[in-house]
Amino acid sequence: MKRSLLLLSQTRDGWKLFDDGRPVFWFPEKEAGLEVAKTIAETRNFYSGLPTGVEVDGDQASFERVASYG
Protein backbone atom coordinates (compact mmCIF):
# COMPACT_ATOMS: atom_id res chain seq x y z
CA MET A 1 0.00 0.00 0.00
CA LYS A 2 1.28 3.44 -0.89
CA ARG A 3 2.09 5.82 1.97
CA SER A 4 2.73 9.54 2.07
CA LEU A 5 5.36 11.32 4.17
CA LEU A 6 5.57 14.96 5.21
CA LEU A 7 8.99 15.91 6.58
CA LEU A 8 9.75 19.12 8.45
CA SER A 9 13.47 19.86 8.17
CA GLN A 10 15.48 22.64 9.78
CA THR A 11 17.43 24.96 7.47
CA ARG A 12 19.70 27.87 8.34
CA ASP A 13 16.80 30.28 7.74
CA GLY A 14 13.94 28.36 9.39
CA TRP A 15 12.02 25.17 8.62
CA LYS A 16 11.20 23.63 5.26
CA LEU A 17 8.30 21.23 4.71
CA PHE A 18 8.81 18.42 2.21
CA ASP A 19 5.93 16.43 0.74
CA ASP A 20 7.25 13.04 -0.41
CA GLY A 21 10.66 14.62 -1.00
CA ARG A 22 9.43 17.77 -2.76
CA PRO A 23 9.82 21.11 -0.94
CA VAL A 24 6.41 22.76 -0.59
CA PHE A 25 6.52 25.38 2.19
CA TRP A 26 8.95 27.34 4.34
CA PHE A 27 8.27 28.45 7.92
CA PRO A 28 10.20 30.75 10.25
CA GLU A 29 9.13 28.67 13.28
CA LYS A 30 8.96 24.92 13.84
CA GLU A 31 5.55 25.03 15.55
CA ALA A 32 3.89 26.72 12.56
CA GLY A 33 5.34 24.16 10.16
CA LEU A 34 4.30 21.27 12.36
CA GLU A 35 0.73 22.55 12.61
CA VAL A 36 0.42 22.86 8.82
CA ALA A 37 2.04 19.45 8.24
CA LYS A 38 -0.39 17.74 10.62
CA THR A 39 -3.34 19.49 9.00
CA ILE A 40 -2.24 18.39 5.52
CA ALA A 41 -1.64 14.82 6.69
CA GLU A 42 -5.00 14.51 8.43
CA THR A 43 -6.86 16.02 5.48
CA ARG A 44 -5.07 13.81 2.95
CA ASN A 45 -5.95 10.71 4.93
CA PHE A 46 -9.56 11.77 5.41
CA TYR A 47 -10.26 12.56 1.76
CA SER A 48 -8.12 10.01 -0.07
CA GLY A 49 -7.60 7.30 2.54
CA LEU A 50 -3.84 7.53 1.96
CA PRO A 51 -1.86 6.71 5.12
CA THR A 52 0.27 9.78 5.89
CA GLY A 53 3.03 10.34 8.41
CA VAL A 54 4.65 13.50 9.72
CA GLU A 55 8.33 13.46 10.70
CA VAL A 56 10.63 16.15 12.08
CA ASP A 57 14.36 16.44 11.62
CA GLY A 58 15.93 15.19 14.83
CA ASP A 59 19.43 15.40 16.20
CA GLN A 60 22.31 13.80 14.28
CA ALA A 61 20.47 13.20 10.99
CA SER A 62 17.67 11.13 12.54
CA PHE A 63 13.96 11.70 12.07
CA GLU A 64 11.24 11.59 14.70
CA ARG A 65 7.72 10.48 13.78
CA VAL A 66 5.40 12.99 15.43
CA ALA A 67 2.08 12.05 13.83
CA SER A 68 0.57 9.27 11.76
CA TYR A 69 -2.83 9.19 10.07
CA GLY A 70 -4.28 6.01 8.61
PDB file of N, CA and C in Angstrom:
ATOM      1  N   MET A   1       0.842  -1.177   0.000  1.00  0.00           N
ATOM      2  CA  MET A   1       0.000   0.000   0.000  1.00  0.00           C
ATOM      3  C   MET A   1       0.891   1.246   0.000  1.00  0.00           C
ATOM      4  N   LYS A   2       0.530   2.203  -0.806  1.00  0.00           N
ATOM      5  CA  LYS A   2       1.282   3.443  -0.891  1.00  0.00           C
ATOM      6  C   LYS A   2       1.076   4.267   0.371  1.00  0.00           C
ATOM      7  N   ARG A   3       2.143   4.931   0.807  1.00  0.00           N
ATOM      8  CA  ARG A   3       2.093   5.819   1.969  1.00  0.00           C
ATOM      9  C   ARG A   3       2.628   7.180   1.560  1.00  0.00           C
ATOM     10  N   SER A   4       2.277   8.177   2.313  1.00  0.00           N
ATOM     11  CA  SER A   4       2.731   9.537   2.072  1.00  0.00           C
ATOM     12  C   SER A   4       3.507  10.010   3.296  1.00  0.00           C
ATOM     13  N   LEU A   5       4.551  10.825   3.067  1.00  0.00           N
ATOM     14  CA  LEU A   5       5.363  11.322   4.172  1.00  0.00           C
ATOM     15  C   LEU A   5       5.566  12.825   4.033  1.00  0.00           C
ATOM     16  N   LEU A   6       5.273  13.535   5.109  1.00  0.00           N
ATOM     17  CA  LEU A   6       5.570  14.959   5.211  1.00  0.00           C
ATOM     18  C   LEU A   6       6.732  15.095   6.185  1.00  0.00           C
ATOM     19  N   LEU A   7       7.775  15.775   5.764  1.00  0.00           N
ATOM     20  CA  LEU A   7       8.987  15.909   6.576  1.00  0.00           C
ATOM     21  C   LEU A   7       9.276  17.377   6.812  1.00  0.00           C
ATOM     22  N   LEU A   8       9.408  17.757   8.079  1.00  0.00           N
ATOM     23  CA  LEU A   8       9.755  19.120   8.455  1.00  0.00           C
ATOM     24  C   LEU A   8      11.233  19.131   8.807  1.00  0.00           C
ATOM     25  N   SER A   9      12.017  19.884   8.031  1.00  0.00           N
ATOM     26  CA  SER A   9      13.466  19.862   8.174  1.00  0.00           C
ATOM     27  C   SER A   9      14.003  21.261   8.458  1.00  0.00           C
ATOM     28  N   GLN A  10      14.909  21.352   9.417  1.00  0.00           N
ATOM     29  CA  GLN A  10      15.481  22.642   9.776  1.00  0.00           C
ATOM     30  C   GLN A  10      16.518  23.079   8.742  1.00  0.00           C
ATOM     31  N   THR A  11      16.446  24.360   8.364  1.00  0.00           N
ATOM     32  CA  THR A  11      17.433  24.964   7.473  1.00  0.00           C
ATOM     33  C   THR A  11      18.082  26.113   8.230  1.00  0.00           C
ATOM     34  N   ARG A  12      19.044  26.756   7.627  1.00  0.00           N
ATOM     35  CA  ARG A  12      19.699  27.866   8.338  1.00  0.00           C
ATOM     36  C   ARG A  12      18.767  29.067   8.512  1.00  0.00           C
ATOM     37  N   ASP A  13      17.728  29.147   7.682  1.00  0.00           N
ATOM     38  CA  ASP A  13      16.800  30.275   7.740  1.00  0.00           C
ATOM     39  C   ASP A  13      15.497  29.973   8.460  1.00  0.00           C
ATOM     40  N   GLY A  14      15.215  28.733   8.763  1.00  0.00           N
ATOM     41  CA  GLY A  14      13.940  28.364   9.388  1.00  0.00           C
ATOM     42  C   GLY A  14      13.663  26.889   9.205  1.00  0.00           C
ATOM     43  N   TRP A  15      12.447  26.559   8.777  1.00  0.00           N
ATOM     44  CA  TRP A  15      12.019  25.174   8.622  1.00  0.00           C
ATOM     45  C   TRP A  15      11.374  24.988   7.259  1.00  0.00           C
ATOM     46  N   LYS A  16      11.748  23.923   6.578  1.00  0.00           N
ATOM     47  CA  LYS A  16      11.204  23.626   5.255  1.00  0.00           C
ATOM     48  C   LYS A  16      10.369  22.355   5.341  1.00  0.00           C
ATOM     49  N   LEU A  17       9.183  22.390   4.734  1.00  0.00           N
ATOM     50  CA  LEU A  17       8.298  21.231   4.712  1.00  0.00           C
ATOM     51  C   LEU A  17       8.402  20.537   3.362  1.00  0.00           C
ATOM     52  N   PHE A  18       8.704  19.251   3.408  1.00  0.00           N
ATOM     53  CA  PHE A  18       8.811  18.424   2.206  1.00  0.00           C
ATOM     54  C   PHE A  18       7.625  17.469   2.144  1.00  0.00           C
ATOM     55  N   ASP A  19       7.040  17.341   0.974  1.00  0.00           N
ATOM     56  CA  ASP A  19       5.927  16.426   0.735  1.00  0.00           C
ATOM     57  C   ASP A  19       6.437  15.331  -0.199  1.00  0.00           C
ATOM     58  N   ASP A  20       6.667  14.157   0.347  1.00  0.00           N
ATOM     59  CA  ASP A  20       7.254  13.038  -0.406  1.00  0.00           C
ATOM     60  C   ASP A  20       8.516  13.470  -1.146  1.00  0.00           C
ATOM     61  N   GLY A  21       9.369  14.218  -0.453  1.00  0.00           N
ATOM     62  CA  GLY A  21      10.665  14.620  -1.001  1.00  0.00           C
ATOM     63  C   GLY A  21      10.668  15.937  -1.762  1.00  0.00           C
ATOM     64  N   ARG A  22       9.511  16.497  -2.033  1.00  0.00           N
ATOM     65  CA  ARG A  22       9.434  17.773  -2.763  1.00  0.00           C
ATOM     66  C   ARG A  22       9.217  18.916  -1.775  1.00  0.00           C
ATOM     67  N   PRO A  23      10.043  19.971  -1.835  1.00  0.00           N
ATOM     68  CA  PRO A  23       9.820  21.113  -0.937  1.00  0.00           C
ATOM     69  C   PRO A  23       8.522  21.839  -1.315  1.00  0.00           C
ATOM     70  N   VAL A  24       7.684  22.109  -0.312  1.00  0.00           N
ATOM     71  CA  VAL A  24       6.405  22.756  -0.592  1.00  0.00           C
ATOM     72  C   VAL A  24       6.191  24.055   0.177  1.00  0.00           C
ATOM     73  N   PHE A  25       6.705  24.167   1.395  1.00  0.00           N
ATOM     74  CA  PHE A  25       6.524  25.383   2.185  1.00  0.00           C
ATOM     75  C   PHE A  25       7.774  25.659   3.015  1.00  0.00           C
ATOM     76  N   TRP A  26       7.904  26.925   3.424  1.00  0.00           N
ATOM     77  CA  TRP A  26       8.955  27.338   4.342  1.00  0.00           C
ATOM     78  C   TRP A  26       8.297  28.055   5.506  1.00  0.00           C
ATOM     79  N   PHE A  27       8.826  27.830   6.718  1.00  0.00           N
ATOM     80  CA  PHE A  27       8.273  28.453   7.921  1.00  0.00           C
ATOM     81  C   PHE A  27       9.398  29.029   8.769  1.00  0.00           C
ATOM     82  N   PRO A  28       9.178  30.192   9.379  1.00  0.00           N
ATOM     83  CA  PRO A  28      10.203  30.753  10.253  1.00  0.00           C
ATOM     84  C   PRO A  28      10.284  30.016  11.596  1.00  0.00           C
ATOM     85  N   GLU A  29       9.175  29.360  11.993  1.00  0.00           N
ATOM     86  CA  GLU A  29       9.134  28.669  13.285  1.00  0.00           C
ATOM     87  C   GLU A  29       8.696  27.217  13.108  1.00  0.00           C
ATOM     88  N   LYS A  30       9.251  26.355  13.911  1.00  0.00           N
ATOM     89  CA  LYS A  30       8.961  24.920  13.843  1.00  0.00           C
ATOM     90  C   LYS A  30       7.483  24.634  14.135  1.00  0.00           C
ATOM     91  N   GLU A  31       6.926  25.306  15.141  1.00  0.00           N
ATOM     92  CA  GLU A  31       5.551  25.032  15.550  1.00  0.00           C
ATOM     93  C   GLU A  31       4.553  25.310  14.423  1.00  0.00           C
ATOM     94  N   ALA A  32       4.786  26.386  13.675  1.00  0.00           N
ATOM     95  CA  ALA A  32       3.889  26.716  12.558  1.00  0.00           C
ATOM     96  C   ALA A  32       3.969  25.649  11.472  1.00  0.00           C
ATOM     97  N   GLY A  33       5.164  25.200  11.162  1.00  0.00           N
ATOM     98  CA  GLY A  33       5.339  24.156  10.155  1.00  0.00           C
ATOM     99  C   GLY A  33       4.724  22.843  10.575  1.00  0.00           C
ATOM    100  N   LEU A  34       4.862  22.515  11.835  1.00  0.00           N
ATOM    101  CA  LEU A  34       4.299  21.270  12.357  1.00  0.00           C
ATOM    102  C   LEU A  34       2.771  21.297  12.320  1.00  0.00           C
ATOM    103  N   GLU A  35       2.191  22.420  12.646  1.00  0.00           N
ATOM    104  CA  GLU A  35       0.725  22.549  12.610  1.00  0.00           C
ATOM    105  C   GLU A  35       0.190  22.365  11.184  1.00  0.00           C
ATOM    106  N   VAL A  36       0.844  22.987  10.216  1.00  0.00           N
ATOM    107  CA  VAL A  36       0.415  22.856   8.822  1.00  0.00           C
ATOM    108  C   VAL A  36       0.622  21.428   8.325  1.00  0.00           C
ATOM    109  N   ALA A  37       1.755  20.829   8.668  1.00  0.00           N
ATOM    110  CA  ALA A  37       2.041  19.453   8.239  1.00  0.00           C
ATOM    111  C   ALA A  37       0.989  18.484   8.776  1.00  0.00           C
ATOM    112  N   LYS A  38       0.623  18.622  10.033  1.00  0.00           N
ATOM    113  CA  LYS A  38      -0.389  17.741  10.622  1.00  0.00           C
ATOM    114  C   LYS A  38      -1.755  17.945   9.967  1.00  0.00           C
ATOM    115  N   THR A  39      -2.075  19.196   9.661  1.00  0.00           N
ATOM    116  CA  THR A  39      -3.344  19.489   8.999  1.00  0.00           C
ATOM    117  C   THR A  39      -3.395  18.858   7.607  1.00  0.00           C
ATOM    118  N   ILE A  40      -2.310  18.992   6.856  1.00  0.00           N
ATOM    119  CA  ILE A  40      -2.239  18.393   5.519  1.00  0.00           C
ATOM    120  C   ILE A  40      -2.360  16.874   5.621  1.00  0.00           C
ATOM    121  N   ALA A  41      -1.634  16.271   6.551  1.00  0.00           N
ATOM    122  CA  ALA A  41      -1.643  14.816   6.690  1.00  0.00           C
ATOM    123  C   ALA A  41      -3.027  14.292   7.059  1.00  0.00           C
ATOM    124  N   GLU A  42      -3.667  14.943   8.010  1.00  0.00           N
ATOM    125  CA  GLU A  42      -4.997  14.508   8.434  1.00  0.00           C
ATOM    126  C   GLU A  42      -6.013  14.658   7.300  1.00  0.00           C
ATOM    127  N   THR A  43      -5.941  15.774   6.590  1.00  0.00           N
ATOM    128  CA  THR A  43      -6.862  16.018   5.483  1.00  0.00           C
ATOM    129  C   THR A  43      -6.644  15.032   4.347  1.00  0.00           C
ATOM    130  N   ARG A  44      -5.388  14.768   4.018  1.00  0.00           N
ATOM    131  CA  ARG A  44      -5.069  13.811   2.949  1.00  0.00           C
ATOM    132  C   ARG A  44      -5.618  12.430   3.284  1.00  0.00           C
ATOM    133  N   ASN A  45      -5.448  12.018   4.525  1.00  0.00           N
ATOM    134  CA  ASN A  45      -5.946  10.706   4.926  1.00  0.00           C
ATOM    135  C   ASN A  45      -7.470  10.670   4.913  1.00  0.00           C
ATOM    136  N   PHE A  46      -8.106  11.731   5.360  1.00  0.00           N
ATOM    137  CA  PHE A  46      -9.565  11.775   5.415  1.00  0.00           C
ATOM    138  C   PHE A  46     -10.183  11.698   4.017  1.00  0.00           C
ATOM    139  N   TYR A  47      -9.652  12.488   3.084  1.00  0.00           N
ATOM    140  CA  TYR A  47     -10.264  12.563   1.755  1.00  0.00           C
ATOM    141  C   TYR A  47      -9.840  11.455   0.801  1.00  0.00           C
ATOM    142  N   SER A  48      -8.585  11.009   0.897  1.00  0.00           N
ATOM    143  CA  SER A  48      -8.121  10.010  -0.067  1.00  0.00           C
ATOM    144  C   SER A  48      -7.877   8.639   0.553  1.00  0.00           C
ATOM    145  N   GLY A  49      -7.863   8.568   1.882  1.00  0.00           N
ATOM    146  CA  GLY A  49      -7.595   7.303   2.545  1.00  0.00           C
ATOM    147  C   GLY A  49      -6.125   6.907   2.524  1.00  0.00           C
ATOM    148  N   LEU A  50      -5.266   7.810   2.061  1.00  0.00           N
ATOM    149  CA  LEU A  50      -3.838   7.530   1.963  1.00  0.00           C
ATOM    150  C   LEU A  50      -3.180   7.669   3.334  1.00  0.00           C
ATOM    151  N   PRO A  51      -2.570   6.597   3.851  1.00  0.00           N
ATOM    152  CA  PRO A  51      -1.856   6.707   5.125  1.00  0.00           C
ATOM    153  C   PRO A  51      -0.736   7.745   5.008  1.00  0.00           C
ATOM    154  N   THR A  52      -0.689   8.667   5.961  1.00  0.00           N
ATOM    155  CA  THR A  52       0.269   9.775   5.892  1.00  0.00           C
ATOM    156  C   THR A  52       0.937   9.969   7.240  1.00  0.00           C
ATOM    157  N   GLY A  53       2.257  10.097   7.213  1.00  0.00           N
ATOM    158  CA  GLY A  53       3.033  10.339   8.413  1.00  0.00           C
ATOM    159  C   GLY A  53       3.675  11.709   8.383  1.00  0.00           C
ATOM    160  N   VAL A  54       3.952  12.231   9.580  1.00  0.00           N
ATOM    161  CA  VAL A  54       4.652  13.502   9.720  1.00  0.00           C
ATOM    162  C   VAL A  54       5.904  13.232  10.549  1.00  0.00           C
ATOM    163  N   GLU A  55       7.057  13.622  10.001  1.00  0.00           N
ATOM    164  CA  GLU A  55       8.327  13.463  10.705  1.00  0.00           C
ATOM    165  C   GLU A  55       9.041  14.799  10.793  1.00  0.00           C
ATOM    166  N   VAL A  56       9.850  14.942  11.849  1.00  0.00           N
ATOM    167  CA  VAL A  56      10.627  16.155  12.078  1.00  0.00           C
ATOM    168  C   VAL A  56      12.095  15.773  12.154  1.00  0.00           C
ATOM    169  N   ASP A  57      12.915  16.603  11.544  1.00  0.00           N
ATOM    170  CA  ASP A  57      14.364  16.441  11.617  1.00  0.00           C
ATOM    171  C   ASP A  57      14.781  16.383  13.077  1.00  0.00           C
ATOM    172  N   GLY A  58      15.445  15.308  13.465  1.00  0.00           N
ATOM    173  CA  GLY A  58      15.927  15.189  14.825  1.00  0.00           C
ATOM    174  C   GLY A  58      17.409  15.480  14.904  1.00  0.00           C
ATOM    175  N   ASP A  59      17.998  15.190  16.030  1.00  0.00           N
ATOM    176  CA  ASP A  59      19.432  15.396  16.203  1.00  0.00           C
ATOM    177  C   ASP A  59      20.217  14.341  15.440  1.00  0.00           C
ATOM    178  N   GLN A  60      21.367  14.715  14.935  1.00  0.00           N
ATOM    179  CA  GLN A  60      22.310  13.802  14.284  1.00  0.00           C
ATOM    180  C   GLN A  60      21.683  13.036  13.121  1.00  0.00           C
ATOM    181  N   ALA A  61      21.026  13.747  12.248  1.00  0.00           N
ATOM    182  CA  ALA A  61      20.473  13.197  10.991  1.00  0.00           C
ATOM    183  C   ALA A  61      19.449  12.076  11.210  1.00  0.00           C
ATOM    184  N   SER A  62      18.739  12.106  12.317  1.00  0.00           N
ATOM    185  CA  SER A  62      17.665  11.130  12.537  1.00  0.00           C
ATOM    186  C   SER A  62      16.334  11.864  12.436  1.00  0.00           C
ATOM    187  N   PHE A  63      15.273  11.111  12.200  1.00  0.00           N
ATOM    188  CA  PHE A  63      13.962  11.698  12.069  1.00  0.00           C
ATOM    189  C   PHE A  63      13.049  11.145  13.140  1.00  0.00           C
ATOM    190  N   GLU A  64      12.187  11.990  13.665  1.00  0.00           N
ATOM    191  CA  GLU A  64      11.244  11.588  14.704  1.00  0.00           C
ATOM    192  C   GLU A  64       9.831  11.644  14.136  1.00  0.00           C
ATOM    193  N   ARG A  65       9.114  10.524  14.217  1.00  0.00           N
ATOM    194  CA  ARG A  65       7.716  10.483  13.778  1.00  0.00           C
ATOM    195  C   ARG A  65       6.889  11.164  14.836  1.00  0.00           C
ATOM    196  N   VAL A  66       6.198  12.243  14.468  1.00  0.00           N
ATOM    197  CA  VAL A  66       5.401  12.994  15.432  1.00  0.00           C
ATOM    198  C   VAL A  66       3.907  12.792  15.242  1.00  0.00           C
ATOM    199  N   ALA A  67       3.503  12.307  14.074  1.00  0.00           N
ATOM    200  CA  ALA A  67       2.077  12.046  13.834  1.00  0.00           C
ATOM    201  C   ALA A  67       1.941  11.023  12.725  1.00  0.00           C
ATOM    202  N   SER A  68       0.855  10.263  12.782  1.00  0.00           N
ATOM    203  CA  SER A  68       0.566   9.267  11.764  1.00  0.00           C
ATOM    204  C   SER A  68      -0.942   9.171  11.612  1.00  0.00           C
ATOM    205  N   TYR A  69      -1.396   9.241  10.363  1.00  0.00           N
ATOM    206  CA  TYR A  69      -2.827   9.189  10.070  1.00  0.00           C
ATOM    207  C   TYR A  69      -3.072   8.038   9.108  1.00  0.00           C
ATOM    208  N   GLY A  70      -3.931   7.122   9.476  1.00  0.00           N
ATOM    209  CA  GLY A  70      -4.278   6.008   8.609  1.00  0.00           C
ATOM    210  C   GLY A  70      -3.449   4.794   8.779  1.00  0.00           C
TER     211      GLY A  70
END
